[in-house]
C-alpha atoms as a PDB file:
ATOM      1  CA  MET A   1     -82.197-138.316  36.222  1.00  0.00           C
ATOM      2  CA  SER A   2     -79.835-138.605  39.208  1.00  0.00           C
ATOM      3  CA  GLU A   3     -79.404-141.921  41.016  1.00  0.00           C
ATOM      4  CA  PRO A   4     -81.950-142.617  43.787  1.00  0.00           C
ATOM      5  CA  VAL A   5     -80.779-141.774  47.314  1.00  0.00           C
ATOM      6  CA  LEU A   6     -81.799-143.482  50.567  1.00  0.00           C
ATOM      7  CA  VAL A   7     -82.836-141.158  53.410  1.00  0.00           C
ATOM      8  CA  VAL A   8     -82.614-142.681  56.898  1.00  0.00           C
ATOM      9  CA  MET A   9     -84.522-140.945  59.697  1.00  0.00           C
ATOM     10  CA  ALA A  10     -82.547-141.617  62.880  1.00  0.00           C
ATOM     11  CA  ALA A  11     -83.049-138.549  65.063  1.00  0.00           C
ATOM     12  CA  GLY A  12     -85.980-139.802  67.167  1.00  0.00           C
ATOM     13  CA  MET A  13     -85.767-140.017  70.940  1.00  0.00           C
ATOM     14  CA  GLY A  14     -86.912-143.652  71.284  1.00  0.00           C
ATOM     15  CA  SER A  15     -88.736-142.871  74.536  1.00  0.00           C
ATOM     16  CA  ARG A  16     -90.824-146.056  74.682  1.00  0.00           C
ATOM     17  CA  TYR A  17     -87.728-148.187  74.062  1.00  0.00           C
ATOM     18  CA  GLY A  18     -85.854-146.343  76.799  1.00  0.00           C
ATOM     19  CA  GLY A  19     -82.688-145.447  74.903  1.00  0.00           C
ATOM     20  CA  LEU A  20     -81.117-144.986  71.489  1.00  0.00           C
ATOM     21  CA  LYS A  21     -82.844-147.971  69.925  1.00  0.00           C
ATOM     22  CA  VAL A  22     -81.294-147.469  66.486  1.00  0.00           C
ATOM     23  CA  LEU A  23     -77.997-148.697  67.983  1.00  0.00           C
ATOM     24  CA  ALA A  24     -79.515-151.778  69.663  1.00  0.00           C
ATOM     25  CA  ARG A  25     -77.570-154.852  68.525  1.00  0.00           C
ATOM     26  CA  VAL A  26     -79.618-157.666  67.008  1.00  0.00           C
ATOM     27  CA  GLY A  27     -77.142-159.613  64.824  1.00  0.00           C
ATOM     28  CA  ALA A  28     -74.591-162.208  65.906  1.00  0.00           C
ATOM     29  CA  ALA A  29     -71.718-159.877  65.011  1.00  0.00           C
ATOM     30  CA  GLY A  30     -73.304-156.825  66.644  1.00  0.00           C
ATOM     31  CA  GLU A  31     -75.353-155.692  63.635  1.00  0.00           C
ATOM     32  CA  LYS A  32     -78.217-153.238  64.169  1.00  0.00           C
ATOM     33  CA  ILE A  33     -81.535-153.238  62.341  1.00  0.00           C
ATOM     34  CA  ILE A  34     -80.317-150.362  60.145  1.00  0.00           C
ATOM     35  CA  ASP A  35     -77.361-152.496  59.018  1.00  0.00           C
ATOM     36  CA  TYR A  36     -79.790-154.953  57.447  1.00  0.00           C
ATOM     37  CA  SER A  37     -81.763-152.144  55.795  1.00  0.00           C
ATOM     38  CA  LEU A  38     -78.569-150.655  54.365  1.00  0.00           C
ATOM     39  CA  TYR A  39     -77.455-154.070  53.144  1.00  0.00           C
ATOM     40  CA  ASP A  40     -80.817-154.676  51.451  1.00  0.00           C
ATOM     41  CA  ALA A  41     -80.731-151.170  49.952  1.00  0.00           C
ATOM     42  CA  TRP A  42     -77.212-151.727  48.611  1.00  0.00           C
ATOM     43  CA  ARG A  43     -78.256-155.045  47.047  1.00  0.00           C
ATOM     44  CA  ALA A  44     -81.246-153.305  45.451  1.00  0.00           C
ATOM     45  CA  GLY A  45     -79.018-150.679  43.813  1.00  0.00           C
ATOM     46  CA  PHE A  46     -78.795-147.702  46.183  1.00  0.00           C
ATOM     47  CA  LYS A  47     -75.341-146.140  46.182  1.00  0.00           C
ATOM     48  CA  LYS A  48     -75.847-143.301  48.683  1.00  0.00           C
ATOM     49  CA  ALA A  49     -77.521-142.949  52.080  1.00  0.00           C
ATOM     50  CA  VAL A  50     -78.231-139.690  53.917  1.00  0.00           C
ATOM     51  CA  PHE A  51     -78.774-140.056  57.657  1.00  0.00           C
ATOM     52  CA  VAL A  52     -80.801-137.528  59.640  1.00  0.00           C
ATOM     53  CA  ILE A  53     -79.390-137.552  63.174  1.00  0.00           C
ATOM     54  CA  LYS A  54     -78.751-135.322  66.154  1.00  0.00           C
ATOM     55  CA  GLU A  55     -75.424-133.560  65.862  1.00  0.00           C
ATOM     56  CA  GLU A  56     -74.234-134.718  69.277  1.00  0.00           C
ATOM     57  CA  LEU A  57     -74.592-138.363  68.178  1.00  0.00           C
ATOM     58  CA  LEU A  58     -72.380-138.114  65.087  1.00  0.00           C
ATOM     59  CA  GLY A  59     -69.468-139.886  66.802  1.00  0.00           C
ATOM     60  CA  ASP A  60     -71.664-142.820  67.832  1.00  0.00           C
ATOM     61  CA  PHE A  61     -73.079-143.235  64.324  1.00  0.00           C
ATOM     62  CA  GLN A  62     -69.637-142.925  62.746  1.00  0.00           C
ATOM     63  CA  GLU A  63     -68.206-145.656  64.960  1.00  0.00           C
ATOM     64  CA  GLU A  64     -71.187-148.011  65.028  1.00  0.00           C
ATOM     65  CA  ILE A  65     -72.595-147.702  61.491  1.00  0.00           C
ATOM     66  CA  PHE A  66     -70.870-145.406  58.991  1.00  0.00           C
ATOM     67  CA  SER A  67     -67.377-146.894  59.363  1.00  0.00           C
ATOM     68  CA  LYS A  68     -68.680-150.341  58.400  1.00  0.00           C
ATOM     69  CA  VAL A  69     -70.853-149.230  55.484  1.00  0.00           C
ATOM     70  CA  GLU A  70     -68.648-146.633  53.794  1.00  0.00           C
ATOM     71  CA  LYS A  71     -66.833-149.085  51.512  1.00  0.00           C
ATOM     72  CA  TYR A  72     -70.204-150.188  50.088  1.00  0.00           C
ATOM     73  CA  MET A  73     -72.145-146.904  49.970  1.00  0.00           C
ATOM     74  CA  ASP A  74     -71.551-143.180  50.140  1.00  0.00           C
ATOM     75  CA  VAL A  75     -72.840-142.097  53.566  1.00  0.00           C
ATOM     76  CA  GLN A  76     -73.675-138.532  54.589  1.00  0.00           C
ATOM     77  CA  ALA A  77     -75.029-137.177  57.878  1.00  0.00           C
ATOM     78  CA  VAL A  78     -77.296-134.147  58.223  1.00  0.00           C
ATOM     79  CA  PHE A  79     -78.546-132.769  61.512  1.00  0.00           C
ATOM     80  CA  GLN A  80     -82.162-132.246  62.537  1.00  0.00           C
ATOM     81  CA  LYS A  81     -82.129-129.089  64.630  1.00  0.00           C
ATOM     82  CA  GLN A  82     -84.977-127.545  66.546  1.00  0.00           C
ATOM     83  CA  GLU A  83     -83.976-124.048  65.452  1.00  0.00           C
ATOM     84  CA  ASP A  84     -84.356-125.006  61.776  1.00  0.00           C
ATOM     85  CA  ILE A  85     -87.782-123.426  61.306  1.00  0.00           C
ATOM     86  CA  PRO A  86     -89.419-121.211  58.659  1.00  0.00           C
ATOM     87  CA  GLU A  87     -88.322-117.594  58.448  1.00  0.00           C
ATOM     88  CA  GLY A  88     -90.362-115.307  60.674  1.00  0.00           C
ATOM     89  CA  CYS A  89     -91.405-118.122  63.046  1.00  0.00           C
ATOM     90  CA  SER A  90     -90.223-118.788  66.588  1.00  0.00           C
ATOM     91  CA  ILE A  91     -89.817-121.816  68.874  1.00  0.00           C
ATOM     92  CA  PRO A  92     -92.532-121.918  71.545  1.00  0.00           C
ATOM     93  CA  GLU A  93     -91.388-121.579  75.127  1.00  0.00           C
ATOM     94  CA  GLY A  94     -90.958-124.988  76.750  1.00  0.00           C
ATOM     95  CA  ARG A  95     -90.725-126.865  73.448  1.00  0.00           C
ATOM     96  CA  VAL A  96     -88.318-129.826  73.721  1.00  0.00           C
ATOM     97  CA  LYS A  97     -89.843-132.380  71.316  1.00  0.00           C
ATOM     98  CA  PRO A  98     -88.395-132.573  67.756  1.00  0.00           C
ATOM     99  CA  TRP A  99     -90.620-131.300  64.938  1.00  0.00           C
ATOM    100  CA  GLY A 100     -91.356-134.772  63.556  1.00  0.00           C
ATOM    101  CA  THR A 101     -90.758-137.076  60.609  1.00  0.00           C
ATOM    102  CA  GLY A 102     -91.732-134.500  57.987  1.00  0.00           C
ATOM    103  CA  HIS A 103     -89.083-132.119  59.286  1.00  0.00           C
ATOM    104  CA  ALA A 104     -86.508-134.934  59.342  1.00  0.00           C
ATOM    105  CA  ALA A 105     -87.247-135.797  55.705  1.00  0.00           C
ATOM    106  CA  LEU A 106     -87.105-132.128  54.733  1.00  0.00           C
ATOM    107  CA  THR A 107     -83.715-131.750  56.426  1.00  0.00           C
ATOM    108  CA  ALA A 108     -82.309-134.561  54.285  1.00  0.00           C
ATOM    109  CA  ALA A 109     -84.097-133.558  51.079  1.00  0.00           C
ATOM    110  CA  ARG A 110     -82.411-130.145  51.099  1.00  0.00           C
ATOM    111  CA  ALA A 111     -79.029-131.908  50.951  1.00  0.00           C
ATOM    112  CA  ILE A 112     -79.983-134.224  48.084  1.00  0.00           C
ATOM    113  CA  GLY A 113     -80.672-131.771  45.285  1.00  0.00           C
ATOM    114  CA  ASP A 114     -82.487-133.090  42.221  1.00  0.00           C
ATOM    115  CA  ALA A 115     -82.251-136.819  42.989  1.00  0.00           C
ATOM    116  CA  PRO A 116     -85.307-138.980  43.718  1.00  0.00           C
ATOM    117  CA  TYR A 117     -85.204-140.428  47.206  1.00  0.00           C
ATOM    118  CA  ALA A 118     -86.580-143.160  49.430  1.00  0.00           C
ATOM    119  CA  VAL A 119     -87.313-142.436  53.098  1.00  0.00           C
ATOM    120  CA  ILE A 120     -87.146-145.035  55.881  1.00  0.00           C
ATOM    121  CA  ASN A 121     -87.054-145.211  59.667  1.00  0.00           C
ATOM    122  CA  ALA A 122     -83.713-146.365  61.058  1.00  0.00           C
ATOM    123  CA  ASP A 123     -85.275-148.722  63.592  1.00  0.00           C
ATOM    124  CA  ASP A 124     -87.671-150.687  61.364  1.00  0.00           C
ATOM    125  CA  PHE A 125     -86.752-153.941  59.594  1.00  0.00           C
ATOM    126  CA  TYR A 126     -88.458-153.713  56.200  1.00  0.00           C
ATOM    127  CA  GLY A 127     -87.234-156.762  54.260  1.00  0.00           C
ATOM    128  CA  ARG A 128     -85.339-157.101  50.980  1.00  0.00           C
ATOM    129  CA  GLU A 129     -88.433-157.079  48.745  1.00  0.00           C
ATOM    130  CA  ALA A 130     -89.403-153.573  49.843  1.00  0.00           C
ATOM    131  CA  PHE A 131     -86.059-152.063  48.844  1.00  0.00           C
ATOM    132  CA  GLU A 132     -86.108-153.771  45.466  1.00  0.00           C
ATOM    133  CA  LYS A 133     -89.609-152.455  44.774  1.00  0.00           C
ATOM    134  CA  ILE A 134     -88.908-148.886  45.851  1.00  0.00           C
ATOM    135  CA  TYR A 135     -85.599-148.706  43.962  1.00  0.00           C
ATOM    136  CA  GLY A 136     -87.282-150.033  40.818  1.00  0.00           C
ATOM    137  CA  PHE A 137     -89.952-147.349  41.143  1.00  0.00           C
ATOM    138  CA  LEU A 138     -87.512-144.481  41.771  1.00  0.00           C
ATOM    139  CA  LYS A 139     -85.143-145.481  38.998  1.00  0.00           C
ATOM    140  CA  ASP A 140     -87.830-144.751  36.421  1.00  0.00           C
ATOM    141  CA  ALA A 141     -90.027-142.278  38.341  1.00  0.00           C
ATOM    142  CA  GLN A 142     -91.198-139.147  36.553  1.00  0.00           C
ATOM    143  CA  ASP A 143     -93.731-136.500  37.474  1.00  0.00           C
ATOM    144  CA  GLY A 144     -96.594-135.924  35.039  1.00  0.00           C
ATOM    145  CA  GLU A 145     -99.538-133.651  35.625  1.00  0.00           C
ATOM    146  CA  LYS A 146     -99.257-134.732  39.260  1.00  0.00           C
ATOM    147  CA  LEU A 147     -96.267-135.443  41.480  1.00  0.00           C
ATOM    148  CA  GLY A 148     -95.663-139.201  41.326  1.00  0.00           C
ATOM    149  CA  PHE A 149     -94.716-140.986  44.554  1.00  0.00           C
ATOM    150  CA  ALA A 150     -94.742-144.512  45.964  1.00  0.00           C
ATOM    151  CA  MET A 151     -95.263-146.090  49.363  1.00  0.00           C
ATOM    152  CA  VAL A 152     -94.511-149.617  50.532  1.00  0.00           C
ATOM    153  CA  GLY A 153     -97.702-150.901  52.165  1.00  0.00           C
ATOM    154  CA  TYR A 154     -97.659-153.537  54.905  1.00  0.00           C
ATOM    155  CA  GLN A 155    -100.494-155.556  56.437  1.00  0.00           C
ATOM    156  CA  VAL A 156    -101.142-154.167  59.908  1.00  0.00           C
ATOM    157  CA  GLY A 157    -101.174-157.694  61.349  1.00  0.00           C
ATOM    158  CA  ASN A 158     -97.546-158.049  60.295  1.00  0.00           C
ATOM    159  CA  THR A 159     -96.499-154.811  62.016  1.00  0.00           C
ATOM    160  CA  VAL A 160     -97.746-155.021  65.607  1.00  0.00           C
ATOM    161  CA  THR A 161     -95.769-156.007  68.697  1.00  0.00           C
ATOM    162  CA  GLU A 162     -96.694-158.345  71.545  1.00  0.00           C
ATOM    163  CA  ASN A 163     -95.334-155.868  74.071  1.00  0.00           C
ATOM    164  CA  GLY A 164     -97.438-152.722  73.802  1.00  0.00           C
ATOM    165  CA  TYR A 165     -98.847-150.309  71.249  1.00  0.00           C
ATOM    166  CA  VAL A 166     -97.497-148.886  67.996  1.00  0.00           C
ATOM    167  CA  SER A 167     -98.198-145.888  65.754  1.00  0.00           C
ATOM    168  CA  ARG A 168     -99.092-146.551  62.129  1.00  0.00           C
ATOM    169  CA  GLY A 169    -100.473-144.649  59.177  1.00  0.00           C
ATOM    170  CA  VAL A 170    -103.692-146.511  58.295  1.00  0.00           C
ATOM    171  CA  CYS A 171    -104.267-146.354  54.546  1.00  0.00           C
ATOM    172  CA  GLU A 172    -107.243-146.316  52.227  1.00  0.00           C
ATOM    173  CA  THR A 173    -106.346-147.576  48.752  1.00  0.00           C
ATOM    174  CA  GLU A 174    -108.086-147.990  45.407  1.00  0.00           C
ATOM    175  CA  ASN A 175    -106.728-149.697  42.285  1.00  0.00           C
ATOM    176  CA  GLY A 176    -103.231-149.784  43.739  1.00  0.00           C
ATOM    177  CA  LEU A 177    -103.199-146.090  44.578  1.00  0.00           C
ATOM    178  CA  LEU A 178    -103.254-144.380  47.963  1.00  0.00           C
ATOM    179  CA  LYS A 179    -106.448-142.414  48.559  1.00  0.00           C
ATOM    180  CA  ASN A 180    -106.009-141.395  52.166  1.00  0.00           C
ATOM    181  CA  ILE A 181    -103.789-142.015  55.192  1.00  0.00           C
ATOM    182  CA  VAL A 182    -104.711-141.441  58.836  1.00  0.00           C
ATOM    183  CA  GLU A 183    -102.104-141.507  61.599  1.00  0.00           C
ATOM    184  CA  ARG A 184    -103.244-143.799  64.397  1.00  0.00           C
ATOM    185  CA  THR A 185    -100.943-143.344  67.360  1.00  0.00           C
ATOM    186  CA  HIS A 186    -102.211-146.257  69.497  1.00  0.00           C
ATOM    187  CA  ILE A 187    -102.673-149.622  67.754  1.00  0.00           C
ATOM    188  CA  GLU A 188    -102.292-152.858  69.671  1.00  0.00           C
ATOM    189  CA  LYS A 189    -103.137-156.541  69.811  1.00  0.00           C
ATOM    190  CA  ARG A 190    -106.143-157.211  72.037  1.00  0.00           C
ATOM    191  CA  PRO A 191    -107.938-160.448  73.006  1.00  0.00           C
ATOM    192  CA  GLU A 192    -110.548-159.820  70.311  1.00  0.00           C
ATOM    193  CA  GLY A 193    -107.990-158.841  67.644  1.00  0.00           C
ATOM    194  CA  ILE A 194    -106.075-155.798  66.430  1.00  0.00           C
ATOM    195  CA  ALA A 195    -107.642-152.436  67.275  1.00  0.00           C
ATOM    196  CA  PHE A 196    -106.843-148.756  67.721  1.00  0.00           C
ATOM    197  CA  THR A 197    -107.987-146.165  70.212  1.00  0.00           C
ATOM    198  CA  GLU A 198    -107.979-142.382  70.231  1.00  0.00           C
ATOM    199  CA  ASP A 199    -109.054-141.831  73.830  1.00  0.00           C
ATOM    200  CA  GLY A 200    -107.834-144.970  75.625  1.00  0.00           C
ATOM    201  CA  GLU A 201    -111.395-146.163  76.223  1.00  0.00           C
ATOM    202  CA  THR A 202    -113.140-146.716  72.887  1.00  0.00           C
ATOM    203  CA  TRP A 203    -111.571-149.327  70.598  1.00  0.00           C
ATOM    204  CA  HIS A 204    -111.999-149.667  66.826  1.00  0.00           C
ATOM    205  CA  PRO A 205    -111.139-153.007  65.148  1.00  0.00           C
ATOM    206  CA  LEU A 206    -108.647-153.296  62.278  1.00  0.00           C
ATOM    207  CA  ASP A 207    -108.546-156.225  59.851  1.00  0.00           C
ATOM    208  CA  PHE A 208    -105.231-158.131  59.811  1.00  0.00           C
ATOM    209  CA  GLU A 209    -104.806-157.209  56.123  1.00  0.00           C
ATOM    210  CA  THR A 210    -105.469-153.478  56.569  1.00  0.00           C
ATOM    211  CA  ILE A 211    -102.715-151.640  54.690  1.00  0.00           C
ATOM    212  CA  VAL A 212    -100.533-149.403  56.841  1.00  0.00           C
ATOM    213  CA  SER A 213     -97.573-147.155  56.177  1.00  0.00           C
ATOM    214  CA  MET A 214     -94.281-147.883  57.904  1.00  0.00           C
ATOM    215  CA  ASN A 215     -92.800-144.612  56.649  1.00  0.00           C
ATOM    216  CA  PHE A 216     -91.170-146.282  53.645  1.00  0.00           C
ATOM    217  CA  TRP A 217     -91.721-143.778  50.847  1.00  0.00           C
ATOM    218  CA  GLY A 218     -90.379-143.036  47.390  1.00  0.00           C
ATOM    219  CA  PHE A 219     -90.390-139.377  46.328  1.00  0.00           C
ATOM    220  CA  THR A 220     -89.503-137.399  43.232  1.00  0.00           C
ATOM    221  CA  PRO A 221     -87.501-134.161  43.725  1.00  0.00           C
ATOM    222  CA  GLY A 222     -90.654-132.041  43.490  1.00  0.00           C
ATOM    223  CA  PHE A 223     -91.743-133.264  46.912  1.00  0.00           C
ATOM    224  CA  THR A 224     -89.104-131.140  48.635  1.00  0.00           C
ATOM    225  CA  ALA A 225     -90.715-127.826  47.701  1.00  0.00           C
ATOM    226  CA  ALA A 226     -94.117-129.186  48.733  1.00  0.00           C
ATOM    227  CA  MET A 227     -92.741-130.155  52.151  1.00  0.00           C
ATOM    228  CA  GLN A 228     -91.170-126.739  52.634  1.00  0.00           C
ATOM    229  CA  GLU A 229     -94.482-125.079  51.832  1.00  0.00           C
ATOM    230  CA  ASP A 230     -96.431-127.297  54.242  1.00  0.00           C
ATOM    231  CA  PHE A 231     -93.861-126.874  57.018  1.00  0.00           C
ATOM    232  CA  LYS A 232     -94.528-123.138  56.965  1.00  0.00           C
ATOM    233  CA  ARG A 233     -98.280-123.808  57.160  1.00  0.00           C
ATOM    234  CA  PHE A 234     -97.651-126.173  60.088  1.00  0.00           C
ATOM    235  CA  PHE A 235     -96.028-123.359  62.044  1.00  0.00           C
ATOM    236  CA  GLN A 236     -98.769-120.913  61.225  1.00  0.00           C
ATOM    237  CA  GLU A 237    -101.740-123.217  61.954  1.00  0.00           C
ATOM    238  CA  ASP A 238    -100.776-126.289  64.008  1.00  0.00           C
ATOM    239  CA  VAL A 239     -98.037-125.136  66.382  1.00  0.00           C
ATOM    240  CA  PRO A 240    -100.151-122.373  68.009  1.00  0.00           C
ATOM    241  CA  LYS A 241    -102.816-124.987  68.888  1.00  0.00           C
ATOM    242  CA  ASN A 242    -100.344-127.355  70.605  1.00  0.00           C
ATOM    243  CA  PRO A 243     -97.018-125.526  71.018  1.00  0.00           C
ATOM    244  CA  GLU A 244     -95.205-128.181  73.056  1.00  0.00           C
ATOM    245  CA  LYS A 245     -96.280-131.339  71.210  1.00  0.00           C
ATOM    246  CA  ALA A 246     -97.488-130.548  67.656  1.00  0.00           C
ATOM    247  CA  GLU A 247     -95.658-132.786  65.149  1.00  0.00           C
ATOM    248  CA  PHE A 248     -95.075-132.369  61.437  1.00  0.00           C
ATOM    249  CA  PHE A 249     -95.771-135.945  60.316  1.00  0.00           C
ATOM    250  CA  LEU A 250     -94.495-136.985  56.892  1.00  0.00           C
ATOM    251  CA  PRO A 251     -97.768-138.761  55.957  1.00  0.00           C
ATOM    252  CA  PHE A 252     -99.683-135.545  56.680  1.00  0.00           C
ATOM    253  CA  VAL A 253     -97.778-133.774  53.895  1.00  0.00           C
ATOM    254  CA  VAL A 254     -98.603-136.594  51.488  1.00  0.00           C
ATOM    255  CA  ASN A 255    -102.249-136.496  52.533  1.00  0.00           C
ATOM    256  CA  THR A 256    -102.505-132.778  51.875  1.00  0.00           C
ATOM    257  CA  LEU A 257    -101.126-133.247  48.358  1.00  0.00           C
ATOM    258  CA  LEU A 258    -103.582-136.077  47.726  1.00  0.00           C
ATOM    259  CA  GLU A 259    -106.522-134.001  48.958  1.00  0.00           C
ATOM    260  CA  ASP A 260    -105.455-131.097  46.760  1.00  0.00           C
ATOM    261  CA  GLY A 261    -105.124-133.378  43.716  1.00  0.00           C
ATOM    262  CA  ARG A 262    -101.452-132.498  43.354  1.00  0.00           C
ATOM    263  CA  ALA A 263     -99.982-135.987  43.806  1.00  0.00           C
ATOM    264  CA  GLN A 264    -100.527-139.648  43.000  1.00  0.00           C
ATOM    265  CA  VAL A 265     -99.081-142.354  45.264  1.00  0.00           C
ATOM    266  CA  GLN A 266     -98.581-145.903  44.033  1.00  0.00           C
ATOM    267  CA  VAL A 267     -98.852-148.495  46.823  1.00  0.00           C
ATOM    268  CA  LEU A 268     -96.229-151.246  46.569  1.00  0.00           C
ATOM    269  CA  PRO A 269     -97.593-154.149  48.655  1.00  0.00           C
ATOM    270  CA  SER A 270     -95.315-156.225  50.879  1.00  0.00           C
ATOM    271  CA  GLN A 271     -96.201-159.504  52.563  1.00  0.00           C
ATOM    272  CA  ASP A 272     -93.091-159.346  54.753  1.00  0.00           C
ATOM    273  CA  LYS A 273     -93.319-159.270  58.534  1.00  0.00           C
ATOM    274  CA  TRP A 274     -92.117-156.108  60.217  1.00  0.00           C
ATOM    275  CA  TYR A 275     -89.559-156.290  63.006  1.00  0.00           C
ATOM    276  CA  GLY A 276     -88.583-153.482  65.310  1.00  0.00           C
ATOM    277  CA  VAL A 277     -87.633-152.558  68.863  1.00  0.00           C
ATOM    278  CA  THR A 278     -90.395-150.239  69.978  1.00  0.00           C
ATOM    279  CA  TYR A 279     -89.932-151.696  73.469  1.00  0.00           C
ATOM    280  CA  LYS A 280     -86.929-153.358  75.132  1.00  0.00           C
ATOM    281  CA  GLU A 281     -88.885-156.625  75.225  1.00  0.00           C
ATOM    282  CA  ASP A 282     -89.048-156.597  71.394  1.00  0.00           C
ATOM    283  CA  ARG A 283     -85.302-156.988  71.000  1.00  0.00           C
ATOM    284  CA  GLN A 284     -85.206-160.775  71.521  1.00  0.00           C
ATOM    285  CA  THR A 285     -87.901-161.274  68.875  1.00  0.00           C
ATOM    286  CA  VAL A 286     -85.747-159.378  66.376  1.00  0.00           C
ATOM    287  CA  VAL A 287     -82.597-161.265  67.409  1.00  0.00           C
ATOM    288  CA  ASP A 288     -84.359-164.600  66.832  1.00  0.00           C
ATOM    289  CA  ALA A 289     -85.805-163.493  63.476  1.00  0.00           C
ATOM    290  CA  VAL A 290     -82.449-162.238  62.201  1.00  0.00           C
ATOM    291  CA  ALA A 291     -80.755-165.457  63.335  1.00  0.00           C
ATOM    292  CA  GLY A 292     -83.340-167.469  61.413  1.00  0.00           C
ATOM    293  CA  MET A 293     -82.915-165.421  58.227  1.00  0.00           C
ATOM    294  CA  THR A 294     -79.127-165.653  58.510  1.00  0.00           C
ATOM    295  CA  ALA A 295     -79.272-169.431  58.980  1.00  0.00           C
ATOM    296  CA  ALA A 296     -81.502-169.638  55.897  1.00  0.00           C
ATOM    297  CA  GLY A 297     -78.877-167.785  53.834  1.00  0.00           C
ATOM    298  CA  ALA A 298     -80.726-164.488  53.430  1.00  0.00           C
ATOM    299  CA  TYR A 299     -77.838-162.584  55.042  1.00  0.00           C
ATOM    300  CA  PRO A 300     -74.147-163.322  55.619  1.00  0.00           C
ATOM    301  CA  SER A 301     -72.596-163.205  59.086  1.00  0.00           C
ATOM    302  CA  PRO A 302     -70.859-160.934  59.736  1.00  0.00           C
ATOM    303  CA  LEU A 303     -72.993-158.737  57.490  1.00  0.00           C
ATOM    304  CA  TRP A 304     -70.236-156.301  56.475  1.00  0.00           C
ATOM    305  CA  GLN A 305     -67.210-158.306  55.376  1.00  0.00           C
END
């Protein structure tokens, strides 16, 4: 089997942050969150990373990230384009929003071939343990009667911000396997605890230890064809209902395969705390956390020597 590849989804708009948050500097030598993910991935054994970005940002990524990483890992960029849609379909009038995380992953998967691959967000700090677990899974992963995937599961209490709301895939698990995942687009800390809302008025509590997805997945090559198939369905069924805002979420594809009995997803639990810059106010929290981990010897400074 080919060596596992790391897919980095970095084409999002970052509207709540107010800018290109993937390039926000959080390390003492100007490192970004993705630098720490790439460093952890490299230490775990990954030798190649494929970035999904907007074509017009290639120069920024080359200067800020790729040029520093290329002597450690093979780095490739692919472009998420709005016009990349299934044959026979069309872009709705007025559509500006990208097609979503599933489309980003599909864009990269087409460039990978027959290699297994991990998928991460560029702006989430996942921790070293997660990369070691996912690489260990992918190195030996094989499909049986069902497609065999993995997901790093975090406790929701370790993934919320003090500065607003977050989106998370809330998971139902049984015997270490994922049974179901529901995308909750508004989860926040409230005086009575962590809760989510669907209408802005009614709140539903979530236990601190509730397992959530941070879009850190491990897939075998067979997932690519399944994504392509579901992307066509998305255009036929979902886009007509909400032409300007319908999104092809990566967890939705996984859920469909689970419901159809076509896949099995092993949940790899992580006790690590998530860090990210969903909002500008989050940046200092990440800066302080990275400084603490660096002082403790978890990372060198500068990161890329």
